């Protein structure tokens, strides 16, 4: 099993290009199987979750070829599907495989999905997905090892999602795209990656109204055979941007992140500002770069009358749940006290014992809330990465710590961050993979 060895206390400085959005790339690749033609997808992050999904897509009949030898751009086509049963050994480690439900149902009218896995951050229900697809005309059978969905045809419907599920919205939109008639989805998720899926479907000839809002209207084209081939570029990963901002600020470095989308960072910027982190945008050649000056004055801003501030997550456009681990470790180095409230997953904060072992002053109030008192001097330690985002939080803590850290189970980090050790070395980090 591979590990990271990190020698902390070195400022991270330089220029880095952000990878494509993992949470957009996964459903976009799944959506490709609805189309018989050849699709071209750009800016695909080369991470373990994507490689795993591509194995699943090839298993069910996909042909995937890199463009000019670069796997970040691919041509992908599905002339026919070989099976309607997805391989359990590949599905079980990958939560993103759940977004195969809508496309498989749209193309094949039948799909058996083994129970998907992913990060161990608490219960991750798929009831919203199943409800939306049955509203469109599918029948559902539930087995101990998975879910069987079948439909003679898909028909537009007026759907109210019981939660603003990102992947639930994506499944519903993809199935509705080839349904007969109009579908209205209320309480839809509106994250940038959901918008990306909608724009990809629009490029294939589907009319979708309300992109970016929580009410989507999809005018179905009636059959997957009515979709036309399209080309799509995955947007920048704002979760990775947040990770780089944190590690540069905590190590005192000066960092430029190339090709960002400022609209995706509005709430993230507000929250980091509460911890004393400031940055500016620079326009160059039609693209926007983010520049973070060195030696940030890390200090938590109190609420009115000096009250302890709270940082919490919520559906877009509020602060994303996947950055809670990152902002929590950032708060350990900021002067002041802050309450971090993770509302969505009951096991997300259970990694804080590792930060406490490094010297952080954190009180875990319950599974959803932690009080962070800073600044703390962090010291190197041996730790194991429990999930993608907590794993990156531990990397950030190790980079800011005094001494040497060993981070085990780094496959979890590789699932979401492309060649992170090599990229950090270029910024001056003392990190090695062993």
Protein backbone atom coordinates (compact mmCIF):
# COMPACT_ATOMS: atom_id res chain seq x y z
CA UNK A 1 0.00 0.00 0.00
CA UNK A 2 1.37 3.42 -0.93
CA UNK A 3 1.97 6.26 1.52
CA UNK A 4 2.96 9.93 1.44
CA UNK A 5 5.95 11.11 3.44
CA UNK A 6 5.71 14.89 3.96
CA UNK A 7 8.25 17.24 5.53
CA UNK A 8 6.24 20.26 6.63
CA UNK A 9 7.02 23.94 7.13
CA UNK A 10 7.92 24.79 3.52
CA UNK A 11 5.98 27.63 1.78
CA UNK A 12 4.16 26.46 -1.34
CA UNK A 13 4.67 29.01 -4.10
CA UNK A 14 4.39 29.18 -7.86
CA UNK A 15 1.76 28.57 -10.51
CA UNK A 16 -0.56 25.59 -10.85
CA UNK A 17 -3.35 24.63 -13.25
CA UNK A 18 -6.49 23.23 -11.71
CA UNK A 19 -7.81 19.86 -12.90
CA UNK A 20 -11.21 19.23 -14.45
CA UNK A 21 -14.16 18.91 -12.07
CA UNK A 22 -14.36 15.29 -10.91
CA UNK A 23 -18.05 15.63 -10.04
CA UNK A 24 -18.83 16.86 -13.55
CA UNK A 25 -16.64 14.39 -15.41
CA UNK A 26 -18.26 11.31 -13.82
CA UNK A 27 -21.89 12.01 -14.89
CA UNK A 28 -20.77 13.44 -18.26
CA UNK A 29 -19.03 10.16 -19.10
CA UNK A 30 -22.12 8.25 -17.96
CA UNK A 31 -24.32 10.47 -20.15
CA UNK A 32 -22.23 9.54 -23.19
CA UNK A 33 -23.71 6.04 -23.25
CA UNK A 34 -27.13 7.47 -24.19
CA UNK A 35 -25.76 8.55 -27.57
CA UNK A 36 -24.91 6.12 -30.39
CA UNK A 37 -22.56 8.66 -31.99
CA UNK A 38 -19.00 9.58 -31.09
CA UNK A 39 -18.68 12.23 -28.37
CA UNK A 40 -15.54 14.20 -27.59
CA UNK A 41 -14.89 15.20 -23.97
CA UNK A 42 -12.03 17.49 -22.86
CA UNK A 43 -10.30 18.29 -19.54
CA UNK A 44 -10.96 14.92 -17.91
CA UNK A 45 -9.01 14.54 -14.66
CA UNK A 46 -6.77 11.48 -14.57
CA UNK A 47 -7.85 10.23 -11.15
CA UNK A 48 -8.68 6.77 -9.85
CA UNK A 49 -12.47 7.30 -9.83
CA UNK A 50 -12.42 8.27 -13.51
CA UNK A 51 -10.22 5.31 -14.45
CA UNK A 52 -12.59 3.00 -12.59
CA UNK A 53 -15.64 4.46 -14.34
CA UNK A 54 -13.99 4.07 -17.74
CA UNK A 55 -13.49 0.36 -17.00
CA UNK A 56 -17.22 0.07 -16.26
CA UNK A 57 -18.12 1.89 -19.48
CA UNK A 58 -15.85 -0.37 -21.55
CA UNK A 59 -17.37 -3.41 -19.83
CA UNK A 60 -20.86 -2.44 -21.01
CA UNK A 61 -19.74 -1.71 -24.58
CA UNK A 62 -18.02 1.66 -24.71
CA UNK A 63 -15.07 2.48 -26.92
CA UNK A 64 -12.77 5.10 -25.35
CA UNK A 65 -9.80 6.53 -27.24
CA UNK A 66 -7.47 9.37 -26.19
CA UNK A 67 -7.26 12.35 -28.53
CA UNK A 68 -3.72 12.79 -29.87
CA UNK A 69 -2.42 10.48 -27.16
CA UNK A 70 -3.66 12.69 -24.30
CA UNK A 71 -6.10 10.94 -21.96
CA UNK A 72 -7.39 14.32 -20.72
CA UNK A 73 -9.37 14.45 -23.98
CA UNK A 74 -11.18 11.37 -25.26
CA UNK A 75 -13.47 10.20 -28.02
CA UNK A 76 -16.13 7.92 -26.55
CA UNK A 77 -18.84 5.97 -28.36
CA UNK A 78 -21.44 3.29 -27.62
CA UNK A 79 -22.61 1.68 -30.82
CA UNK A 80 -24.44 -0.92 -28.75
CA UNK A 81 -24.60 -2.00 -25.13
CA UNK A 82 -23.30 -5.47 -24.28
CA UNK A 83 -25.17 -5.86 -20.99
CA UNK A 84 -27.72 -4.25 -18.70
CA UNK A 85 -26.00 -5.55 -15.54
CA UNK A 86 -23.19 -3.46 -14.11
CA UNK A 87 -20.11 -5.21 -12.64
CA UNK A 88 -20.32 -5.27 -8.83
CA UNK A 89 -16.53 -5.37 -8.33
CA UNK A 90 -16.14 -2.05 -10.18
CA UNK A 91 -19.34 -0.38 -8.98
CA UNK A 92 -18.88 -1.08 -5.27
CA UNK A 93 -15.84 1.24 -4.72
CA UNK A 94 -17.30 4.09 -6.82
CA UNK A 95 -20.16 6.23 -5.54
CA UNK A 96 -20.28 8.08 -8.88
CA UNK A 97 -21.43 4.88 -10.58
CA UNK A 98 -24.93 5.71 -9.34
CA UNK A 99 -25.23 8.18 -12.24
CA UNK A 100 -25.32 5.23 -14.62
CA UNK A 101 -28.94 4.59 -13.59
CA UNK A 102 -30.55 7.36 -15.65
CA UNK A 103 -28.45 6.91 -18.82
CA UNK A 104 -28.75 3.09 -18.81
CA UNK A 105 -32.50 3.32 -18.36
CA UNK A 106 -32.71 5.93 -21.12
CA UNK A 107 -30.68 3.84 -23.58
CA UNK A 108 -31.54 0.26 -22.62
CA UNK A 109 -34.86 0.55 -20.76
CA UNK A 110 -33.38 -1.81 -18.19
CA UNK A 111 -30.53 -1.64 -15.69
CA UNK A 112 -29.34 -3.57 -12.67
CA UNK A 113 -27.14 -1.47 -10.39
CA UNK A 114 -25.23 -3.20 -7.58
CA UNK A 115 -25.14 -1.18 -4.41
CA UNK A 116 -22.60 1.62 -4.99
CA UNK A 117 -19.88 2.43 -2.48
CA UNK A 118 -17.56 5.43 -2.17
CA UNK A 119 -16.39 7.50 0.76
CA UNK A 120 -17.28 6.31 4.28
CA UNK A 121 -18.72 9.62 5.45
CA UNK A 122 -22.11 8.38 6.64
CA UNK A 123 -25.29 7.10 5.06
CA UNK A 124 -25.71 8.08 1.40
CA UNK A 125 -29.25 7.26 0.36
CA UNK A 126 -30.33 6.76 -3.25
CA UNK A 127 -34.07 6.98 -2.57
CA UNK A 128 -34.24 10.32 -4.41
CA UNK A 129 -32.81 8.74 -7.56
CA UNK A 130 -35.24 5.83 -7.47
CA UNK A 131 -38.23 8.07 -6.81
CA UNK A 132 -37.42 10.37 -9.74
CA UNK A 133 -36.91 7.51 -12.21
CA UNK A 134 -40.12 5.74 -11.17
CA UNK A 135 -41.96 9.05 -11.65
CA UNK A 136 -40.73 8.95 -15.26
CA UNK A 137 -42.26 5.50 -15.75
CA UNK A 138 -39.74 2.97 -14.49
CA UNK A 139 -40.63 0.01 -12.31
CA UNK A 140 -38.34 -0.82 -9.41
CA UNK A 141 -37.31 -4.05 -7.73
CA UNK A 142 -35.04 -3.87 -4.70
CA UNK A 143 -32.68 -6.76 -3.87
CA UNK A 144 -30.14 -7.20 -1.11
CA UNK A 145 -27.31 -6.65 -3.56
CA UNK A 146 -28.76 -3.95 -5.82
CA UNK A 147 -31.60 -2.34 -7.73
CA UNK A 148 -33.39 -3.39 -10.93
CA UNK A 149 -35.11 -0.66 -12.96
CA UNK A 150 -37.13 -1.33 -16.13
CA UNK A 151 -39.35 0.80 -18.34
CA UNK A 152 -41.32 0.12 -21.51
CA UNK A 153 -41.09 3.85 -22.13
CA UNK A 154 -40.18 7.00 -20.26
CA UNK A 155 -42.76 9.77 -20.04
CA UNK A 156 -42.31 13.35 -18.88
CA UNK A 157 -43.52 14.12 -15.36
CA UNK A 158 -43.70 16.86 -12.74
CA UNK A 159 -41.19 15.77 -10.10
CA UNK A 160 -40.54 17.24 -6.68
CA UNK A 161 -37.26 15.86 -5.31
CA UNK A 162 -37.35 15.12 -1.57
CA UNK A 163 -33.83 16.53 -1.27
CA UNK A 164 -31.64 18.64 -3.54
CA UNK A 165 -29.50 15.64 -4.46
CA UNK A 166 -26.78 16.41 -7.01
CA UNK A 167 -26.55 12.94 -8.52
CA UNK A 168 -30.31 12.43 -8.10
CA UNK A 169 -30.91 15.55 -10.18
CA UNK A 170 -28.40 14.42 -12.79
CA UNK A 171 -30.04 10.99 -13.11
CA UNK A 172 -33.47 12.55 -13.46
CA UNK A 173 -32.31 15.09 -16.05
CA UNK A 174 -30.53 12.47 -18.16
CA UNK A 175 -33.52 10.12 -18.20
CA UNK A 176 -35.93 12.99 -18.86
CA UNK A 177 -33.82 14.11 -21.82
CA UNK A 178 -34.97 11.10 -23.88
CA UNK A 179 -38.45 10.79 -22.38
CA UNK A 180 -41.62 11.61 -24.30
CA UNK A 181 -42.94 15.01 -23.33
CA UNK A 182 -41.92 17.65 -20.82
CA UNK A 183 -40.43 17.03 -17.37
CA UNK A 184 -40.33 19.64 -14.61
CA UNK A 185 -37.94 18.96 -11.71
CA UNK A 186 -38.43 21.07 -8.58
CA UNK A 187 -35.92 21.27 -5.72
CA UNK A 188 -33.25 20.39 -8.26
CA UNK A 189 -29.58 20.73 -7.36
CA UNK A 190 -27.84 23.58 -9.18
CA UNK A 191 -24.11 23.02 -8.57
CA UNK A 192 -21.71 23.94 -11.41
CA UNK A 193 -21.30 20.26 -12.32
CA UNK A 194 -25.09 19.82 -12.59
CA UNK A 195 -25.11 22.81 -14.92
CA UNK A 196 -22.35 21.15 -16.93
CA UNK A 197 -24.43 18.00 -17.42
CA UNK A 198 -27.38 20.12 -18.56
CA UNK A 199 -25.23 22.04 -21.06
CA UNK A 200 -23.87 18.76 -22.45
CA UNK A 201 -27.42 17.54 -23.05
CA UNK A 202 -28.32 20.87 -24.67
CA UNK A 203 -25.39 20.41 -27.04
CA UNK A 204 -26.96 17.06 -28.03
CA UNK A 205 -30.24 18.74 -28.97
CA UNK A 206 -32.22 18.68 -25.70
CA UNK A 207 -34.00 21.89 -24.69
CA UNK A 208 -33.54 22.60 -20.98
CA UNK A 209 -34.83 25.69 -19.22
CA UNK A 210 -33.75 26.97 -15.81
CA UNK A 211 -30.13 25.81 -15.85
CA UNK A 212 -28.48 27.12 -12.69
CA UNK A 213 -31.77 27.33 -10.78
CA UNK A 214 -33.64 24.81 -8.62
CA UNK A 215 -36.44 24.35 -11.16
CA UNK A 216 -35.49 22.58 -14.40
CA UNK A 217 -37.77 22.09 -17.38
CA UNK A 218 -36.61 19.38 -19.78
CA UNK A 219 -38.19 18.93 -23.19
CA UNK A 220 -37.55 15.27 -23.93
CA UNK A 221 -36.51 14.21 -27.42
CA UNK A 222 -38.47 10.93 -27.21
CA UNK A 223 -35.62 8.50 -27.87
CA UNK A 224 -31.86 8.27 -27.47
CA UNK A 225 -31.71 7.87 -31.25
CA UNK A 226 -32.74 11.53 -31.57
CA UNK A 227 -29.63 12.76 -29.74
CA UNK A 228 -26.83 14.17 -31.87
CA UNK A 229 -23.10 13.82 -31.10
CA UNK A 230 -21.54 16.68 -29.14
CA UNK A 231 -18.27 18.03 -27.79
CA UNK A 232 -17.88 19.20 -24.21
CA UNK A 233 -15.17 20.61 -21.93
CA UNK A 234 -15.25 19.79 -18.21
CA UNK A 235 -15.10 22.91 -16.03
CA UNK A 236 -12.43 23.64 -13.40
CA UNK A 237 -12.69 21.78 -10.08
CA UNK A 238 -13.54 24.39 -7.44
CA UNK A 239 -12.96 21.80 -4.70
CA UNK A 240 -9.35 21.43 -5.79
CA UNK A 241 -9.05 25.21 -6.00
CA UNK A 242 -10.21 25.45 -2.37
CA UNK A 243 -7.63 22.85 -1.39
CA UNK A 244 -4.77 24.76 -3.05
CA UNK A 245 -5.89 28.04 -1.46
CA UNK A 246 -5.77 26.44 1.97
CA UNK A 247 -2.35 24.84 1.60
CA UNK A 248 -0.77 28.03 0.21
CA UNK A 249 -2.29 30.18 2.97
CA UNK A 250 -1.27 27.79 5.76
CA UNK A 251 2.32 27.48 4.52
CA UNK A 252 2.74 31.22 3.85
CA UNK A 253 3.31 30.81 0.12
CA UNK A 254 2.37 32.93 -2.88
CA UNK A 255 0.27 30.99 -5.37
CA UNK A 256 -1.33 31.58 -8.76
CA UNK A 257 -4.07 29.15 -9.83
CA UNK A 258 -4.67 29.28 -13.57
CA UNK A 259 -7.99 29.18 -15.42
CA UNK A 260 -10.56 29.43 -12.63
CA UNK A 261 -14.27 30.31 -12.82
CA UNK A 262 -14.92 33.16 -10.32
CA UNK A 263 -18.70 32.55 -10.28
CA UNK A 264 -18.03 29.09 -8.84
CA UNK A 265 -15.99 30.59 -6.00
CA UNK A 266 -18.27 33.33 -4.64
CA UNK A 267 -19.39 31.59 -1.43
CA UNK A 268 -16.03 29.86 -1.05
CA UNK A 269 -14.39 33.29 -1.13
CA UNK A 270 -16.75 34.65 1.53
CA UNK A 271 -15.99 31.75 3.87
CA UNK A 272 -12.21 31.90 3.41
CA UNK A 273 -12.38 35.65 4.03
CA UNK A 274 -13.84 34.88 7.47
CA UNK A 275 -10.56 33.13 8.24
CA UNK A 276 -8.48 36.05 6.98
CA UNK A 277 -7.61 34.72 3.52
CA UNK A 278 -7.68 37.17 0.62
CA UNK A 279 -7.04 36.78 -3.10
CA UNK A 280 -7.49 38.63 -6.36
CA UNK A 281 -8.45 37.70 -9.91
CA UNK A 282 -6.30 38.49 -12.93
CA UNK A 283 -7.57 38.42 -16.50
CA UNK A 284 -5.18 37.13 -19.13
CA UNK A 285 -5.78 35.89 -22.70
CA UNK A 286 -9.51 35.55 -22.11
CA UNK A 287 -8.99 33.42 -18.99
CA UNK A 288 -9.08 34.21 -15.29
CA UNK A 289 -6.31 33.36 -12.84
CA UNK A 290 -6.55 33.47 -9.05
CA UNK A 291 -3.60 35.05 -7.25
CA UNK A 292 -3.07 34.44 -3.54
CA UNK A 293 -0.44 36.76 -1.94
CA UNK A 294 2.03 35.27 0.52
CA UNK A 295 1.96 35.56 4.31
CA UNK A 296 -1.80 35.84 4.78
CA UNK A 297 -3.00 37.28 8.11
CA UNK A 298 -4.97 34.29 9.30
CA UNK A 299 -7.52 35.51 11.83
CA UNK A 300 -11.14 34.49 12.27
CA UNK A 301 -13.63 37.33 11.92
CA UNK A 302 -16.18 37.33 14.71
CA UNK A 303 -19.86 37.96 14.12
CA UNK A 304 -21.52 41.20 15.23
CA UNK A 305 -20.92 41.96 18.94
CA UNK A 306 -17.93 39.61 18.97
CA UNK A 307 -19.95 36.42 18.82
CA UNK A 308 -18.36 33.14 17.67
CA UNK A 309 -18.91 32.71 13.92
CA UNK A 310 -20.26 29.57 12.30
CA UNK A 311 -19.21 27.95 9.05
CA UNK A 312 -21.71 25.45 7.69
CA UNK A 313 -22.51 23.70 4.43
CA UNK A 314 -25.72 23.65 2.40
CA UNK A 315 -26.88 23.06 -1.18
CA UNK A 316 -25.50 25.36 -3.87
CA UNK A 317 -24.93 28.29 -3.97
CA UNK A 318 -24.01 27.89 -0.29
CA UNK A 319 -20.69 26.49 0.96
CA UNK A 320 -20.04 22.99 -0.46
CA UNK A 321 -19.96 20.03 1.91
CA UNK A 322 -16.85 18.62 0.22
CA UNK A 323 -14.82 21.63 1.41
CA UNK A 324 -15.81 21.35 5.08
CA UNK A 325 -12.78 19.15 5.87
CA UNK A 326 -10.52 21.66 4.11
CA UNK A 327 -11.92 24.73 5.86
CA UNK A 328 -11.75 22.96 9.23
CA UNK A 329 -8.03 22.31 8.96
CA UNK A 330 -7.58 25.89 7.73
CA UNK A 331 -9.30 27.18 10.88
CA UNK A 332 -6.77 25.40 13.10
CA UNK A 333 -4.14 27.93 11.95
CA UNK A 334 -6.34 31.06 12.18
CA UNK A 335 -6.42 33.17 15.34
CA UNK A 336 -9.83 32.92 17.00
CA UNK A 337 -12.67 30.47 17.51
CA UNK A 338 -15.13 29.14 14.95
CA UNK A 339 -17.93 26.56 14.95
CA UNK A 340 -17.85 24.22 11.94
CA UNK A 341 -21.23 22.61 11.25
CA UNK A 342 -21.38 19.74 8.74
CA UNK A 343 -25.07 19.21 8.09
CA UNK A 344 -25.11 16.52 5.41
CA UNK A 345 -22.97 13.54 6.49
CA UNK A 346 -22.80 12.20 10.01
CA UNK A 347 -19.28 10.74 9.70
CA UNK A 348 -17.53 13.54 7.79
CA UNK A 349 -15.93 15.09 10.91
CA UNK A 350 -14.62 11.88 12.44
CA UNK A 351 -11.15 12.55 11.04
CA UNK A 352 -10.57 15.44 13.49
CA UNK A 353 -8.98 13.10 16.03
CA UNK A 354 -6.01 12.96 13.67
CA UNK A 355 -5.72 16.75 13.71
CA UNK A 356 -6.02 16.75 17.51
CA UNK A 357 -3.15 14.27 17.57
CA UNK A 358 -1.10 16.79 15.58
CA UNK A 359 -1.74 19.48 18.19
CA UNK A 360 -4.93 21.13 16.92
CA UNK A 361 -7.33 22.52 19.53
CA UNK A 362 -10.69 21.08 18.42
CA UNK A 363 -13.75 20.08 20.41
CA UNK A 364 -15.96 17.58 18.54
CA UNK A 365 -19.39 18.47 19.95
CA UNK A 366 -21.30 15.74 18.09
CA UNK A 367 -21.06 13.99 14.69
CA UNK A 368 -22.00 17.21 12.88
CA UNK A 369 -20.32 20.03 14.83
CA UNK A 370 -16.78 20.92 15.87
CA UNK A 371 -15.40 23.98 17.64
CA UNK A 372 -11.95 24.98 16.36
CA UNK A 373 -9.75 27.22 18.49
CA UNK A 374 -6.73 28.72 16.78
CA UNK A 375 -4.01 29.23 16.06
CA UNK A 376 -2.47 25.85 16.86
CA UNK A 377 1.04 24.72 16.13
CA UNK A 378 0.76 21.42 14.26
CA UNK A 379 3.35 18.66 14.53
CA UNK A 380 4.06 15.80 12.16
CA UNK A 381 2.28 12.49 12.76
CA UNK A 382 1.40 9.15 11.17
CA UNK A 383 -2.18 9.11 9.90
CA UNK A 384 -4.49 7.19 7.56
CA UNK A 385 -6.68 8.88 4.97
CA UNK A 386 -10.35 7.97 5.61
CA UNK A 387 -11.87 9.58 2.48
CA UNK A 388 -10.95 11.88 -0.42
CA UNK A 389 -11.53 15.26 1.24
CA UNK A 390 -10.35 14.34 4.73
CA UNK A 391 -7.27 12.83 3.08
CA UNK A 392 -6.49 16.15 1.40
CA UNK A 393 -7.12 17.97 4.71
CA UNK A 394 -4.46 15.73 6.28
CA UNK A 395 -2.05 16.53 3.45
CA UNK A 396 -2.61 20.25 4.07
CA UNK A 397 -2.07 19.80 7.81
CA UNK A 398 1.15 17.88 7.16
CA UNK A 399 2.44 20.58 4.79
CA UNK A 400 1.83 23.22 7.50
CA UNK A 401 3.17 21.12 10.38
CA UNK A 402 6.57 21.08 12.02
CA UNK A 403 8.42 17.87 11.29
CA UNK A 404 7.65 14.80 9.22
CA UNK A 405 4.25 13.18 8.60
CA UNK A 406 3.31 9.84 7.12
CA UNK A 407 -0.11 9.56 5.45
CA UNK A 408 -1.36 6.05 4.72
CA UNK A 409 -4.19 4.78 2.49
CA UNK A 410 -3.49 7.48 -0.09
CA UNK A 411 -5.53 5.67 -2.73
CA UNK A 412 -8.41 7.64 -1.23
CA UNK A 413 -6.64 10.88 -2.16
CA UNK A 414 -5.74 9.57 -5.64
CA UNK A 415 -9.45 8.97 -6.24
CA UNK A 416 -10.03 12.73 -6.37
CA UNK A 417 -6.71 14.50 -7.00
CA UNK A 418 -4.57 13.93 -10.08
CA UNK A 419 -0.86 13.23 -9.47
CA UNK A 420 -1.07 15.45 -6.42
CA UNK A 421 2.42 14.65 -5.12
CA UNK A 422 4.15 15.54 -8.41
CA UNK A 423 2.15 18.75 -8.75
CA UNK A 424 2.92 19.81 -5.17
CA UNK A 425 6.63 19.14 -5.66
CA UNK A 426 6.63 21.77 -8.42
CA UNK A 427 5.38 24.27 -5.81
CA UNK A 428 8.22 23.39 -3.45
CA UNK A 429 6.55 20.77 -1.26
CA UNK A 430 8.76 18.09 0.28
CA UNK A 431 6.52 15.14 -0.44
CA UNK A 432 7.34 11.64 -1.62
CA UNK A 433 5.27 8.58 -2.49
CA UNK A 434 6.59 5.33 -1.03
